[in-house]
Amino acid sequence: MKTPAIFYHAGCPVCVEAEHQIADALDPARYEVELVHLGEQPARIAAAEAAGVKSVPALVINGEAFHINFGAPMSALKG
Protein backbone atom coordinates (compact mmCIF):
# COMPACT_ATOMS: atom_id res chain seq x y z
CA MET A 1 0.00 0.00 0.00
CA LYS A 2 1.29 3.46 -0.91
CA THR A 3 1.82 6.08 1.77
CA PRO A 4 -0.43 9.10 1.28
CA ALA A 5 1.38 12.43 0.96
CA ILE A 6 -0.56 15.68 0.74
CA PHE A 7 1.16 18.73 -0.70
CA TYR A 8 -0.61 21.93 0.31
CA HIS A 9 0.13 25.14 -1.57
CA ALA A 10 -1.34 28.47 -2.61
CA GLY A 11 -0.20 28.72 -6.22
CA CYS A 12 2.53 31.29 -5.60
CA PRO A 13 5.87 30.96 -7.47
CA VAL A 14 7.56 29.44 -4.39
CA CYS A 15 4.74 26.89 -4.12
CA VAL A 16 4.79 25.97 -7.79
CA GLU A 17 8.54 25.38 -7.72
CA ALA A 18 8.19 23.26 -4.58
CA GLU A 19 5.38 21.29 -6.26
CA HIS A 20 7.67 20.42 -9.16
CA GLN A 21 10.45 19.36 -6.81
CA ILE A 22 8.10 17.22 -4.73
CA ALA A 23 6.73 15.53 -7.84
CA ASP A 24 10.27 14.65 -8.91
CA ALA A 25 11.54 13.66 -5.46
CA LEU A 26 8.89 11.30 -4.11
CA ASP A 27 8.98 7.74 -5.38
CA PRO A 28 5.57 7.06 -7.02
CA ALA A 29 5.90 3.39 -6.06
CA ARG A 30 5.96 4.38 -2.38
CA TYR A 31 3.87 7.55 -2.18
CA GLU A 32 0.48 8.58 -3.47
CA VAL A 33 0.79 12.36 -3.72
CA GLU A 34 -2.27 14.60 -3.59
CA LEU A 35 -1.80 18.22 -4.63
CA VAL A 36 -4.08 20.66 -2.84
CA HIS A 37 -4.18 24.28 -4.04
CA LEU A 38 -5.72 26.01 -1.02
CA GLY A 39 -6.49 29.14 -3.02
CA GLU A 40 -8.78 27.04 -5.22
CA GLN A 41 -9.92 24.65 -2.46
CA PRO A 42 -10.41 26.83 0.64
CA ALA A 43 -12.63 24.17 2.22
CA ARG A 44 -9.42 22.15 2.76
CA ILE A 45 -7.76 24.84 4.94
CA ALA A 46 -9.16 23.39 8.18
CA ALA A 47 -7.81 19.92 7.34
CA ALA A 48 -4.39 21.39 6.52
CA GLU A 49 -4.30 23.25 9.84
CA ALA A 50 -5.45 20.14 11.71
CA ALA A 51 -2.51 18.30 10.14
CA GLY A 52 -0.12 20.93 11.53
CA VAL A 53 0.37 23.09 8.45
CA LYS A 54 1.36 26.61 9.55
CA SER A 55 2.42 27.97 6.16
CA VAL A 56 2.52 26.88 2.56
CA PRO A 57 4.06 25.16 0.74
CA ALA A 58 3.96 22.18 3.08
CA LEU A 59 3.94 18.43 2.71
CA VAL A 60 2.09 16.13 5.11
CA ILE A 61 3.28 12.52 5.33
CA ASN A 62 2.18 10.09 8.04
CA GLY A 63 0.47 12.90 9.93
CA GLU A 64 3.64 15.02 10.07
CA ALA A 65 3.77 18.44 8.42
CA PHE A 66 7.00 19.39 6.69
CA HIS A 67 7.29 23.07 5.84
CA ILE A 68 9.32 23.37 2.68
CA ASN A 69 9.74 27.11 2.37
CA PHE A 70 7.79 30.12 3.57
CA GLY A 71 5.42 31.21 0.82
CA ALA A 72 2.40 32.37 2.84
CA PRO A 73 1.01 31.88 6.34
CA MET A 74 -2.27 30.03 6.63
CA SER A 75 -3.92 33.23 7.87
CA ALA A 76 -3.32 34.83 4.45
CA LEU A 77 -5.38 32.09 2.81
CA LYS A 78 -8.44 32.72 4.96
CA GLY A 79 -9.03 36.04 3.19
PDB file of N, CA and C in Angstrom:
ATOM      1  N   MET A   1       0.835  -1.173   0.000  1.00  0.00           N
ATOM      2  CA  MET A   1       0.000   0.000   0.000  1.00  0.00           C
ATOM      3  C   MET A   1       0.885   1.245   0.000  1.00  0.00           C
ATOM      4  N   LYS A   2       0.522   2.218  -0.819  1.00  0.00           N
ATOM      5  CA  LYS A   2       1.290   3.457  -0.905  1.00  0.00           C
ATOM      6  C   LYS A   2       0.977   4.358   0.286  1.00  0.00           C
ATOM      7  N   THR A   3       1.988   5.111   0.701  1.00  0.00           N
ATOM      8  CA  THR A   3       1.823   6.084   1.767  1.00  0.00           C
ATOM      9  C   THR A   3       1.230   7.358   1.189  1.00  0.00           C
ATOM     10  N   PRO A   4       0.129   7.845   1.777  1.00  0.00           N
ATOM     11  CA  PRO A   4      -0.426   9.104   1.278  1.00  0.00           C
ATOM     12  C   PRO A   4       0.467  10.284   1.661  1.00  0.00           C
ATOM     13  N   ALA A   5       0.618  11.195   0.741  1.00  0.00           N
ATOM     14  CA  ALA A   5       1.375  12.426   0.961  1.00  0.00           C
ATOM     15  C   ALA A   5       0.539  13.563   0.378  1.00  0.00           C
ATOM     16  N   ILE A   6       0.261  14.555   1.203  1.00  0.00           N
ATOM     17  CA  ILE A   6      -0.559  15.681   0.736  1.00  0.00           C
ATOM     18  C   ILE A   6       0.319  16.922   0.675  1.00  0.00           C
ATOM     19  N   PHE A   7       0.391  17.501  -0.496  1.00  0.00           N
ATOM     20  CA  PHE A   7       1.163  18.726  -0.699  1.00  0.00           C
ATOM     21  C   PHE A   7       0.182  19.886  -0.760  1.00  0.00           C
ATOM     22  N   TYR A   8       0.245  20.752   0.254  1.00  0.00           N
ATOM     23  CA  TYR A   8      -0.613  21.932   0.311  1.00  0.00           C
ATOM     24  C   TYR A   8       0.154  23.131  -0.214  1.00  0.00           C
ATOM     25  N   HIS A   9      -0.512  23.930  -1.054  1.00  0.00           N
ATOM     26  CA  HIS A   9       0.133  25.137  -1.568  1.00  0.00           C
ATOM     27  C   HIS A   9      -0.910  26.177  -1.919  1.00  0.00           C
ATOM     28  N   ALA A  10      -0.437  27.361  -2.299  1.00  0.00           N
ATOM     29  CA  ALA A  10      -1.340  28.472  -2.606  1.00  0.00           C
ATOM     30  C   ALA A  10      -1.179  28.983  -4.030  1.00  0.00           C
ATOM     31  N   GLY A  11      -0.357  28.323  -4.819  1.00  0.00           N
ATOM     32  CA  GLY A  11      -0.200  28.715  -6.215  1.00  0.00           C
ATOM     33  C   GLY A  11       0.837  29.789  -6.472  1.00  0.00           C
ATOM     34  N   CYS A  12       1.509  30.261  -5.427  1.00  0.00           N
ATOM     35  CA  CYS A  12       2.530  31.292  -5.604  1.00  0.00           C
ATOM     36  C   CYS A  12       3.760  30.681  -6.289  1.00  0.00           C
ATOM     37  N   PRO A  13       4.682  31.502  -6.794  1.00  0.00           N
ATOM     38  CA  PRO A  13       5.867  30.961  -7.468  1.00  0.00           C
ATOM     39  C   PRO A  13       6.685  30.009  -6.587  1.00  0.00           C
ATOM     40  N   VAL A  14       6.822  30.319  -5.309  1.00  0.00           N
ATOM     41  CA  VAL A  14       7.560  29.435  -4.395  1.00  0.00           C
ATOM     42  C   VAL A  14       6.856  28.082  -4.322  1.00  0.00           C
ATOM     43  N   CYS A  15       5.523  28.122  -4.219  1.00  0.00           N
ATOM     44  CA  CYS A  15       4.738  26.890  -4.118  1.00  0.00           C
ATOM     45  C   CYS A  15       4.826  26.050  -5.388  1.00  0.00           C
ATOM     46  N   VAL A  16       4.739  26.685  -6.518  1.00  0.00           N
ATOM     47  CA  VAL A  16       4.787  25.967  -7.795  1.00  0.00           C
ATOM     48  C   VAL A  16       6.146  25.297  -7.968  1.00  0.00           C
ATOM     49  N   GLU A  17       7.202  25.983  -7.624  1.00  0.00           N
ATOM     50  CA  GLU A  17       8.539  25.383  -7.715  1.00  0.00           C
ATOM     51  C   GLU A  17       8.658  24.196  -6.762  1.00  0.00           C
ATOM     52  N   ALA A  18       8.152  24.360  -5.538  1.00  0.00           N
ATOM     53  CA  ALA A  18       8.188  23.257  -4.577  1.00  0.00           C
ATOM     54  C   ALA A  18       7.357  22.079  -5.078  1.00  0.00           C
ATOM     55  N   GLU A  19       6.221  22.355  -5.703  1.00  0.00           N
ATOM     56  CA  GLU A  19       5.380  21.288  -6.257  1.00  0.00           C
ATOM     57  C   GLU A  19       6.152  20.468  -7.282  1.00  0.00           C
ATOM     58  N   HIS A  20       6.873  21.129  -8.148  1.00  0.00           N
ATOM     59  CA  HIS A  20       7.669  20.420  -9.160  1.00  0.00           C
ATOM     60  C   HIS A  20       8.752  19.571  -8.506  1.00  0.00           C
ATOM     61  N   GLN A  21       9.397  20.115  -7.489  1.00  0.00           N
ATOM     62  CA  GLN A  21      10.450  19.364  -6.807  1.00  0.00           C
ATOM     63  C   GLN A  21       9.891  18.155  -6.067  1.00  0.00           C
ATOM     64  N   ILE A  22       8.732  18.327  -5.433  1.00  0.00           N
ATOM     65  CA  ILE A  22       8.096  17.217  -4.725  1.00  0.00           C
ATOM     66  C   ILE A  22       7.723  16.120  -5.711  1.00  0.00           C
ATOM     67  N   ALA A  23       7.136  16.503  -6.830  1.00  0.00           N
ATOM     68  CA  ALA A  23       6.726  15.529  -7.844  1.00  0.00           C
ATOM     69  C   ALA A  23       7.918  14.717  -8.341  1.00  0.00           C
ATOM     70  N   ASP A  24       9.071  15.344  -8.444  1.00  0.00           N
ATOM     71  CA  ASP A  24      10.270  14.651  -8.912  1.00  0.00           C
ATOM     72  C   ASP A  24      10.941  13.832  -7.812  1.00  0.00           C
ATOM     73  N   ALA A  25      10.790  14.258  -6.550  1.00  0.00           N
ATOM     74  CA  ALA A  25      11.541  13.657  -5.457  1.00  0.00           C
ATOM     75  C   ALA A  25      10.877  12.428  -4.837  1.00  0.00           C
ATOM     76  N   LEU A  26       9.559  12.414  -4.775  1.00  0.00           N
ATOM     77  CA  LEU A  26       8.891  11.299  -4.106  1.00  0.00           C
ATOM     78  C   LEU A  26       8.688  10.125  -5.061  1.00  0.00           C
ATOM     79  N   ASP A  27       9.081   8.965  -4.605  1.00  0.00           N
ATOM     80  CA  ASP A  27       8.975   7.738  -5.384  1.00  0.00           C
ATOM     81  C   ASP A  27       7.496   7.363  -5.560  1.00  0.00           C
ATOM     82  N   PRO A  28       6.990   7.377  -6.796  1.00  0.00           N
ATOM     83  CA  PRO A  28       5.574   7.062  -7.019  1.00  0.00           C
ATOM     84  C   PRO A  28       5.207   5.626  -6.640  1.00  0.00           C
ATOM     85  N   ALA A  29       6.179   4.751  -6.498  1.00  0.00           N
ATOM     86  CA  ALA A  29       5.898   3.387  -6.063  1.00  0.00           C
ATOM     87  C   ALA A  29       5.633   3.337  -4.556  1.00  0.00           C
ATOM     88  N   ARG A  30       6.117   4.342  -3.840  1.00  0.00           N
ATOM     89  CA  ARG A  30       5.963   4.377  -2.377  1.00  0.00           C
ATOM     90  C   ARG A  30       4.923   5.377  -1.894  1.00  0.00           C
ATOM     91  N   TYR A  31       4.735   6.473  -2.644  1.00  0.00           N
ATOM     92  CA  TYR A  31       3.870   7.549  -2.184  1.00  0.00           C
ATOM     93  C   TYR A  31       2.767   7.862  -3.184  1.00  0.00           C
ATOM     94  N   GLU A  32       1.588   8.083  -2.663  1.00  0.00           N
ATOM     95  CA  GLU A  32       0.478   8.584  -3.467  1.00  0.00           C
ATOM     96  C   GLU A  32       0.324  10.058  -3.101  1.00  0.00           C
ATOM     97  N   VAL A  33       0.754  10.933  -4.001  1.00  0.00           N
ATOM     98  CA  VAL A  33       0.789  12.363  -3.722  1.00  0.00           C
ATOM     99  C   VAL A  33      -0.505  13.029  -4.186  1.00  0.00           C
ATOM    100  N   GLU A  34      -1.101  13.782  -3.276  1.00  0.00           N
ATOM    101  CA  GLU A  34      -2.271  14.596  -3.594  1.00  0.00           C
ATOM    102  C   GLU A  34      -1.844  16.052  -3.533  1.00  0.00           C
ATOM    103  N   LEU A  35      -2.123  16.795  -4.578  1.00  0.00           N
ATOM    104  CA  LEU A  35      -1.796  18.218  -4.631  1.00  0.00           C
ATOM    105  C   LEU A  35      -3.052  19.016  -4.286  1.00  0.00           C
ATOM    106  N   VAL A  36      -2.929  19.876  -3.282  1.00  0.00           N
ATOM    107  CA  VAL A  36      -4.080  20.661  -2.838  1.00  0.00           C
ATOM    108  C   VAL A  36      -3.738  22.144  -2.925  1.00  0.00           C
ATOM    109  N   HIS A  37      -4.349  22.830  -3.866  1.00  0.00           N
ATOM    110  CA  HIS A  37      -4.184  24.284  -4.038  1.00  0.00           C
ATOM    111  C   HIS A  37      -5.221  24.941  -3.144  1.00  0.00           C
ATOM    112  N   LEU A  38      -4.786  25.461  -2.002  1.00  0.00           N
ATOM    113  CA  LEU A  38      -5.719  26.012  -1.023  1.00  0.00           C
ATOM    114  C   LEU A  38      -6.409  27.283  -1.495  1.00  0.00           C
ATOM    115  N   GLY A  39      -5.827  27.974  -2.451  1.00  0.00           N
ATOM    116  CA  GLY A  39      -6.494  29.136  -3.019  1.00  0.00           C
ATOM    117  C   GLY A  39      -7.722  28.732  -3.822  1.00  0.00           C
ATOM    118  N   GLU A  40      -7.667  27.556  -4.426  1.00  0.00           N
ATOM    119  CA  GLU A  40      -8.780  27.042  -5.222  1.00  0.00           C
ATOM    120  C   GLU A  40      -9.678  26.103  -4.418  1.00  0.00           C
ATOM    121  N   GLN A  41      -9.163  25.588  -3.293  1.00  0.00           N
ATOM    122  CA  GLN A  41      -9.920  24.649  -2.462  1.00  0.00           C
ATOM    123  C   GLN A  41      -9.901  25.119  -1.003  1.00  0.00           C
ATOM    124  N   PRO A  42     -10.479  26.297  -0.721  1.00  0.00           N
ATOM    125  CA  PRO A  42     -10.414  26.834   0.638  1.00  0.00           C
ATOM    126  C   PRO A  42     -11.095  25.954   1.684  1.00  0.00           C
ATOM    127  N   ALA A  43     -11.976  25.074   1.274  1.00  0.00           N
ATOM    128  CA  ALA A  43     -12.626  24.165   2.216  1.00  0.00           C
ATOM    129  C   ALA A  43     -11.623  23.193   2.840  1.00  0.00           C
ATOM    130  N   ARG A  44     -10.451  23.073   2.248  1.00  0.00           N
ATOM    131  CA  ARG A  44      -9.416  22.151   2.755  1.00  0.00           C
ATOM    132  C   ARG A  44      -8.482  22.814   3.763  1.00  0.00           C
ATOM    133  N   ILE A  45      -8.646  24.113   4.013  1.00  0.00           N
ATOM    134  CA  ILE A  45      -7.761  24.839   4.939  1.00  0.00           C
ATOM    135  C   ILE A  45      -7.824  24.239   6.339  1.00  0.00           C
ATOM    136  N   ALA A  46      -9.010  23.951   6.833  1.00  0.00           N
ATOM    137  CA  ALA A  46      -9.155  23.394   8.183  1.00  0.00           C
ATOM    138  C   ALA A  46      -8.418  22.064   8.319  1.00  0.00           C
ATOM    139  N   ALA A  47      -8.502  21.214   7.305  1.00  0.00           N
ATOM    140  CA  ALA A  47      -7.806  19.924   7.343  1.00  0.00           C
ATOM    141  C   ALA A  47      -6.294  20.127   7.342  1.00  0.00           C
ATOM    142  N   ALA A  48      -5.830  21.097   6.564  1.00  0.00           N
ATOM    143  CA  ALA A  48      -4.394  21.391   6.523  1.00  0.00           C
ATOM    144  C   ALA A  48      -3.920  21.861   7.903  1.00  0.00           C
ATOM    145  N   GLU A  49      -4.674  22.762   8.509  1.00  0.00           N
ATOM    146  CA  GLU A  49      -4.302  23.254   9.839  1.00  0.00           C
ATOM    147  C   GLU A  49      -4.355  22.133  10.876  1.00  0.00           C
ATOM    148  N   ALA A  50      -5.346  21.269  10.782  1.00  0.00           N
ATOM    149  CA  ALA A  50      -5.448  20.144  11.709  1.00  0.00           C
ATOM    150  C   ALA A  50      -4.256  19.194  11.576  1.00  0.00           C
ATOM    151  N   ALA A  51      -3.684  19.139  10.381  1.00  0.00           N
ATOM    152  CA  ALA A  51      -2.508  18.302  10.139  1.00  0.00           C
ATOM    153  C   ALA A  51      -1.213  18.981  10.577  1.00  0.00           C
ATOM    154  N   GLY A  52      -1.312  20.232  11.039  1.00  0.00           N
ATOM    155  CA  GLY A  52      -0.123  20.931  11.528  1.00  0.00           C
ATOM    156  C   GLY A  52       0.491  21.912  10.560  1.00  0.00           C
ATOM    157  N   VAL A  53      -0.163  22.150   9.432  1.00  0.00           N
ATOM    158  CA  VAL A  53       0.371  23.086   8.450  1.00  0.00           C
ATOM    159  C   VAL A  53       0.222  24.513   8.987  1.00  0.00           C
ATOM    160  N   LYS A  54       1.336  25.226   9.062  1.00  0.00           N
ATOM    161  CA  LYS A  54       1.360  26.612   9.547  1.00  0.00           C
ATOM    162  C   LYS A  54       1.556  27.605   8.413  1.00  0.00           C
ATOM    163  N   SER A  55       2.177  27.138   7.332  1.00  0.00           N
ATOM    164  CA  SER A  55       2.418  27.972   6.161  1.00  0.00           C
ATOM    165  C   SER A  55       2.528  27.050   4.952  1.00  0.00           C
ATOM    166  N   VAL A  56       2.387  27.650   3.795  1.00  0.00           N
ATOM    167  CA  VAL A  56       2.523  26.876   2.561  1.00  0.00           C
ATOM    168  C   VAL A  56       3.712  27.407   1.770  1.00  0.00           C
ATOM    169  N   PRO A  57       4.358  26.554   1.014  1.00  0.00           N
ATOM    170  CA  PRO A  57       4.062  25.155   0.744  1.00  0.00           C
ATOM    171  C   PRO A  57       4.452  24.246   1.906  1.00  0.00           C
ATOM    172  N   ALA A  58       3.689  23.174   2.042  1.00  0.00           N
ATOM    173  CA  ALA A  58       3.956  22.183   3.082  1.00  0.00           C
ATOM    174  C   ALA A  58       3.531  20.806   2.576  1.00  0.00           C
ATOM    175  N   LEU A  59       4.222  19.812   3.075  1.00  0.00           N
ATOM    176  CA  LEU A  59       3.943  18.427   2.708  1.00  0.00           C
ATOM    177  C   LEU A  59       3.590  17.673   3.979  1.00  0.00           C
ATOM    178  N   VAL A  60       2.489  16.931   3.961  1.00  0.00           N
ATOM    179  CA  VAL A  60       2.087  16.127   5.114  1.00  0.00           C
ATOM    180  C   VAL A  60       2.222  14.652   4.742  1.00  0.00           C
ATOM    181  N   ILE A  61       3.061  13.958   5.504  1.00  0.00           N
ATOM    182  CA  ILE A  61       3.276  12.521   5.330  1.00  0.00           C
ATOM    183  C   ILE A  61       3.156  11.876   6.700  1.00  0.00           C
ATOM    184  N   ASN A  62       2.373  10.816   6.777  1.00  0.00           N
ATOM    185  CA  ASN A  62       2.177  10.093   8.038  1.00  0.00           C
ATOM    186  C   ASN A  62       1.777  11.014   9.179  1.00  0.00           C
ATOM    187  N   GLY A  63       0.949  11.997   8.892  1.00  0.00           N
ATOM    188  CA  GLY A  63       0.474  12.901   9.926  1.00  0.00           C
ATOM    189  C   GLY A  63       1.462  13.952  10.377  1.00  0.00           C
ATOM    190  N   GLU A  64       2.605  14.034   9.728  1.00  0.00           N
ATOM    191  CA  GLU A  64       3.639  15.018  10.067  1.00  0.00           C
ATOM    192  C   GLU A  64       3.707  16.075   8.974  1.00  0.00           C
ATOM    193  N   ALA A  65       3.670  17.332   9.381  1.00  0.00           N
ATOM    194  CA  ALA A  65       3.768  18.437   8.419  1.00  0.00           C
ATOM    195  C   ALA A  65       5.222  18.847   8.262  1.00  0.00           C
ATOM    196  N   PHE A  66       5.656  18.947   7.026  1.00  0.00           N
ATOM    197  CA  PHE A  66       7.002  19.390   6.691  1.00  0.00           C
ATOM    198  C   PHE A  66       6.873  20.691   5.909  1.00  0.00           C
ATOM    199  N   HIS A  67       7.383  21.760   6.484  1.00  0.00           N
ATOM    200  CA  HIS A  67       7.295  23.075   5.845  1.00  0.00           C
ATOM    201  C   HIS A  67       8.516  23.248   4.952  1.00  0.00           C
ATOM    202  N   ILE A  68       8.263  23.387   3.679  1.00  0.00           N
ATOM    203  CA  ILE A  68       9.320  23.371   2.679  1.00  0.00           C
ATOM    204  C   ILE A  68       9.998  24.720   2.540  1.00  0.00           C
ATOM    205  N   ASN A  69       9.235  25.756   2.521  1.00  0.00           N
ATOM    206  CA  ASN A  69       9.738  27.114   2.373  1.00  0.00           C
ATOM    207  C   ASN A  69       8.606  28.002   2.862  1.00  0.00           C
ATOM    208  N   PHE A  70       8.867  29.252   3.089  1.00  0.00           N
ATOM    209  CA  PHE A  70       7.794  30.120   3.567  1.00  0.00           C
ATOM    210  C   PHE A  70       7.242  30.918   2.418  1.00  0.00           C
ATOM    211  N   GLY A  71       6.090  30.505   1.903  1.00  0.00           N
ATOM    212  CA  GLY A  71       5.424  31.214   0.822  1.00  0.00           C
ATOM    213  C   GLY A  71       4.338  32.132   1.349  1.00  0.00           C
ATOM    214  N   ALA A  72       3.501  31.594   2.256  1.00  0.00           N
ATOM    215  CA  ALA A  72       2.402  32.372   2.836  1.00  0.00           C
ATOM    216  C   ALA A  72       1.941  31.689   4.121  1.00  0.00           C
ATOM    217  N   PRO A  73       1.595  32.490   5.126  1.00  0.00           N
ATOM    218  CA  PRO A  73       1.012  31.884   6.344  1.00  0.00           C
ATOM    219  C   PRO A  73      -0.415  31.433   6.048  1.00  0.00           C
ATOM    220  N   MET A  74      -0.900  30.516   6.829  1.00  0.00           N
ATOM    221  CA  MET A  74      -2.268  30.028   6.629  1.00  0.00           C
ATOM    222  C   MET A  74      -3.283  31.159   6.799  1.00  0.00           C
ATOM    223  N   SER A  75      -2.997  32.127   7.660  1.00  0.00           N
ATOM    224  CA  SER A  75      -3.924  33.232   7.873  1.00  0.00           C
ATOM    225  C   SER A  75      -4.163  34.033   6.593  1.00  0.00           C
ATOM    226  N   ALA A  76      -3.179  34.089   5.706  1.00  0.00           N
ATOM    227  CA  ALA A  76      -3.324  34.827   4.454  1.00  0.00           C
ATOM    228  C   ALA A  76      -4.299  34.133   3.496  1.00  0.00           C
ATOM    229  N   LEU A  77      -4.506  32.850   3.686  1.00  0.00           N
ATOM    230  CA  LEU A  77      -5.383  32.089   2.807  1.00  0.00           C
ATOM    231  C   LEU A  77      -6.847  32.160   3.242  1.00  0.00           C
ATOM    232  N   LYS A  78      -7.075  32.666   4.428  1.00  0.00           N
ATOM    233  CA  LYS A  78      -8.439  32.722   4.956  1.00  0.00           C
ATOM    234  C   LYS A  78      -9.183  33.971   4.507  1.00  0.00           C
ATOM    235  N   GLY A  79      -8.470  34.869   3.814  1.00  0.00           N
ATOM    236  CA  GLY A  79      -9.033  36.036   3.186  1.00  0.00           C
ATOM    237  C   GLY A  79      -9.805  36.916   4.057  1.00  0.00           C
TER     238      GLY A  79
END
